[in-house]
Protein backbone atom coordinates (compact mmCIF):
# COMPACT_ATOMS: atom_id res chain seq x y z
CA MET A 1 -16.45 9.07 -5.63
CA GLU A 2 -18.27 6.32 -3.77
CA ASP A 3 -20.11 3.60 -5.66
CA VAL A 4 -22.63 1.62 -3.61
CA ARG A 5 -23.16 -1.06 -6.23
CA TYR A 6 -19.69 -2.59 -5.76
CA PRO A 7 -18.66 -2.06 -2.15
CA GLY A 8 -16.06 -4.85 -2.04
CA PRO A 9 -12.35 -4.18 -1.44
CA ARG A 10 -11.45 -5.64 -4.82
CA TYR A 11 -13.45 -2.95 -6.61
CA ARG A 12 -11.95 -0.22 -4.42
CA THR A 13 -8.45 -1.33 -5.42
CA ALA A 14 -9.39 -1.24 -9.09
CA ARG A 15 -11.06 2.14 -8.60
CA PHE A 16 -7.85 3.43 -6.96
CA ILE A 17 -5.79 2.42 -9.93
CA ILE A 18 -8.22 3.88 -12.44
CA THR A 19 -9.35 7.12 -10.78
CA ASN A 20 -6.17 8.16 -8.97
CA SER A 21 -5.18 11.71 -9.81
CA GLY A 22 -1.80 11.55 -8.08
CA SER A 23 0.46 12.44 -10.94
CA GLY A 24 2.68 14.74 -8.93
CA HIS A 25 3.06 18.46 -8.46
CA THR A 26 5.96 20.36 -9.95
CA VAL A 27 8.48 21.95 -7.62
CA PRO A 28 9.61 25.44 -8.66
CA GLY A 29 13.27 25.37 -9.65
CA ALA A 30 13.55 21.57 -9.54
CA ARG A 31 13.07 18.67 -11.97
CA TYR A 32 11.46 16.29 -9.53
CA LYS A 33 7.81 16.26 -8.48
CA GLU A 34 6.23 16.08 -5.06
CA TYR A 35 3.18 14.03 -4.23
CA ARG A 36 0.30 14.78 -1.90
CA LEU A 37 -1.64 12.17 0.02
CA GLN A 38 -5.00 13.80 -0.67
CA ASP A 39 -4.55 13.02 -4.39
CA TYR A 40 -5.09 9.32 -3.72
CA SER A 41 -8.24 7.38 -2.92
CA SER A 42 -9.52 7.46 0.63
CA TRP A 43 -9.35 3.66 0.84
CA PHE A 44 -5.64 3.64 -0.01
CA VAL A 45 -4.87 6.55 2.30
CA LYS A 46 -6.61 4.65 5.09
CA GLN A 47 -4.32 1.67 4.43
CA LEU A 48 -1.23 3.88 4.61
CA ASP A 49 -2.46 5.59 7.79
CA ASP A 50 -2.77 2.24 9.57
CA THR A 51 -0.07 2.55 12.24
CA GLU A 52 1.06 -1.09 12.15
CA LYS A 53 1.23 -1.28 8.36
CA TRP A 54 3.12 2.01 8.13
CA ALA A 55 5.57 0.93 10.84
CA ARG A 56 6.48 -2.14 8.77
CA LEU A 57 6.79 -0.10 5.58
CA LYS A 58 8.79 2.59 7.34
CA SER A 59 11.27 0.05 8.75
CA CYS A 60 11.91 -1.18 5.21
CA LEU A 61 12.35 2.38 3.93
CA VAL A 62 14.84 3.22 6.70
CA LYS A 63 16.89 0.09 5.92
CA THR A 64 17.24 0.97 2.24
CA ASP A 65 20.02 3.34 1.30
CA ASP A 66 17.88 5.41 -1.06
CA CYS A 67 18.04 8.56 1.07
CA ASN A 68 21.63 8.02 2.20
CA ASN A 69 22.86 7.57 -1.37
CA LEU A 70 21.41 10.87 -2.57
CA SER A 71 24.41 12.83 -1.29
CA LYS A 72 26.73 10.37 -3.06
CA ARG A 73 24.87 10.69 -6.37
CA TYR A 74 24.41 14.45 -6.23
CA LYS A 75 27.47 16.21 -4.84
CA THR A 76 26.11 19.77 -4.86
CA ALA A 77 22.76 21.36 -4.03
CA ARG A 78 22.50 22.44 -7.68
CA GLU A 79 22.91 18.86 -8.93
CA TYR A 80 20.29 17.81 -6.42
CA LYS A 81 17.77 20.43 -7.64
CA LEU A 82 18.28 19.21 -11.22
CA ALA A 83 17.91 15.54 -10.23
CA ASP A 84 14.98 13.48 -11.38
CA LEU A 85 14.08 11.92 -8.02
CA THR A 86 11.77 8.95 -7.59
CA PRO A 87 8.49 9.56 -5.77
CA MET A 88 9.84 7.94 -2.60
CA GLU A 89 13.08 9.95 -2.73
CA SER A 90 11.23 13.24 -3.10
CA GLY A 91 8.69 12.34 -0.41
CA CYS A 92 10.76 10.51 2.19
CA CYS A 93 14.29 11.90 1.86
CA CYS A 94 13.66 15.62 1.93
CA PRO A 95 11.15 18.05 3.38
CA PRO A 96 8.45 19.39 1.08
CA ALA A 97 9.64 22.38 -0.97
CA GLU A 98 6.91 24.55 0.54
CA CYS A 99 8.77 24.40 3.88
CA GLY A 100 11.48 26.62 2.45
CA TYR A 101 14.44 24.82 4.08
CA PRO A 102 17.58 25.48 2.02
CA ALA A 103 19.35 22.33 0.84
CA LEU A 104 23.00 22.26 1.90
CA ASN A 105 23.43 19.07 -0.08
CA ALA A 106 21.15 16.28 -1.31
CA SER A 107 20.56 14.81 2.13
CA TYR A 108 21.06 17.68 4.55
CA PHE A 109 18.84 20.74 4.97
CA ASP A 110 19.29 23.87 7.07
CA LEU A 111 16.50 23.45 9.60
CA SER A 112 17.34 26.69 11.45
CA TYR A 113 14.92 28.52 9.16
CA HIS A 114 11.36 28.63 10.39
CA PRO A 115 9.02 26.91 7.96
CA VAL A 116 7.08 29.31 5.78
CA SER A 117 4.30 26.74 5.46
CA THR A 118 1.77 25.35 7.90
CA ASN A 119 2.33 21.87 6.46
CA VAL A 120 2.83 19.41 9.34
CA ASP A 121 5.55 17.62 7.35
CA CYS A 122 7.81 20.67 7.82
CA LYS A 123 7.98 20.03 11.56
CA LEU A 124 8.30 16.26 11.19
CA TYR A 125 11.39 16.36 8.95
CA LYS A 126 14.78 15.83 10.64
CA ASN A 127 18.21 15.37 9.07
CA ALA A 128 18.83 12.17 11.08
CA ARG A 129 19.14 9.09 8.87
CA SER A 130 16.50 7.14 10.78
CA VAL A 131 13.99 10.01 10.89
CA ARG A 132 14.16 12.08 7.65
CA CYS A 133 10.55 12.47 6.53
CA TYR A 134 9.52 8.85 7.03
CA ASP A 135 6.55 9.85 9.18
CA CYS A 136 5.44 12.56 6.74
CA ASN A 137 2.36 12.47 4.57
CA SER A 138 4.64 13.31 1.63
CA CYS A 139 6.49 10.03 2.21
CA LYS A 140 3.22 8.10 2.30
CA ALA A 141 2.20 9.83 -0.94
CA GLY A 142 5.55 8.87 -2.51
CA VAL A 143 4.95 5.25 -1.54
CA ALA A 144 1.42 5.48 -2.97
CA GLN A 145 2.77 6.81 -6.28
CA TYR A 146 5.41 4.06 -6.38
CA MET A 147 2.76 1.41 -5.78
CA LYS A 148 0.49 2.94 -8.42
CA THR A 149 3.31 2.71 -10.95
CA GLU A 150 4.18 -0.86 -9.97
CA TRP A 151 0.53 -1.95 -10.10
CA ARG A 152 0.27 -0.57 -13.63
CA VAL A 153 3.28 -2.63 -14.69
CA VAL A 154 1.75 -5.74 -13.14
CA ALA A 155 -1.62 -5.01 -14.78
CA ILE A 156 0.00 -4.62 -18.21
CA PHE A 157 1.95 -7.85 -17.69
CA ASN A 158 -1.28 -9.65 -16.71
CA VAL A 159 -3.09 -8.42 -19.82
CA ILE A 160 -0.23 -9.54 -22.07
CA LEU A 161 -0.08 -12.91 -20.33
CA PHE A 162 -3.87 -13.30 -20.70
CA VAL A 163 -3.65 -12.59 -24.45
CA ILE A 164 -0.80 -15.10 -24.90
CA LEU A 165 -2.57 -17.81 -22.90
CA SER A 166 -5.84 -17.18 -24.76
CA PHE A 167 -4.00 -17.54 -28.08
CA VAL A 168 -2.33 -20.78 -26.96
CA TYR A 169 -5.69 -22.11 -25.73
CA PHE A 170 -7.37 -21.16 -29.02
CA VAL A 171 -4.63 -22.85 -31.09
CA GLY A 172 -4.83 -25.93 -28.83
CA CYS A 173 -8.61 -26.14 -29.23
CA CYS A 174 -8.33 -25.82 -33.01
CA ALA A 175 -5.60 -28.46 -33.15
CA ARG A 176 -7.62 -30.84 -30.96
CA ARG A 177 -10.74 -30.34 -33.04
CA ASN A 178 -8.81 -30.99 -36.26
CA THR A 179 -7.08 -34.11 -34.93
CA GLY A 180 -10.24 -35.29 -33.21
CA GLY A 181 -12.21 -34.97 -36.46
CA SER A 182 -9.69 -37.04 -38.44
CA ASP A 183 -9.60 -39.77 -35.72
CA THR A 184 -13.37 -40.29 -35.86
CA LYS A 185 -13.28 -40.54 -39.67
CA GLY A 186 -10.52 -43.12 -39.48
CA ARG A 187 -12.36 -45.25 -36.87
CA GLY A 188 -15.62 -45.27 -38.77
CA ARG A 189 -14.15 -47.04 -41.82
């Protein structure tokens, strides 16, 4: 969906928030959802594919303990399958379900199985803490979903703040008009 009337980046960001269809795809036998990069706007995908920007984001993701804490929170593979993972946990901490790697626990997968999928992310995933699936498209999609959710929260906050400030401004204008009207009557006497 390309609109030539409003080619500016500001409109593209708003269009991303409004027209994004990335609501997640269910994983058979699991509670969490997986996200796919192609579900997001081409402008946003281009931003995530920028090597320098992704390197900075990836370094932050590696430093967080989100993936490392999964095995502490979910002791067994069964608990892990029933977990309600965040978009970044499902995208960055484990390989896509279509790869078919059996989970030994929440943060370690048996990679001796050959992937049943042609998805590139299956070959990129490693059990090493600094690698995981941080270079995968599924991780980028998880970040995109996280940002979409956060942007919605900020947008709702901005609307509420706008309504409150408009109300305060309206009350202030009414109060000024009422006090201003009584001052001019008093001076004219």
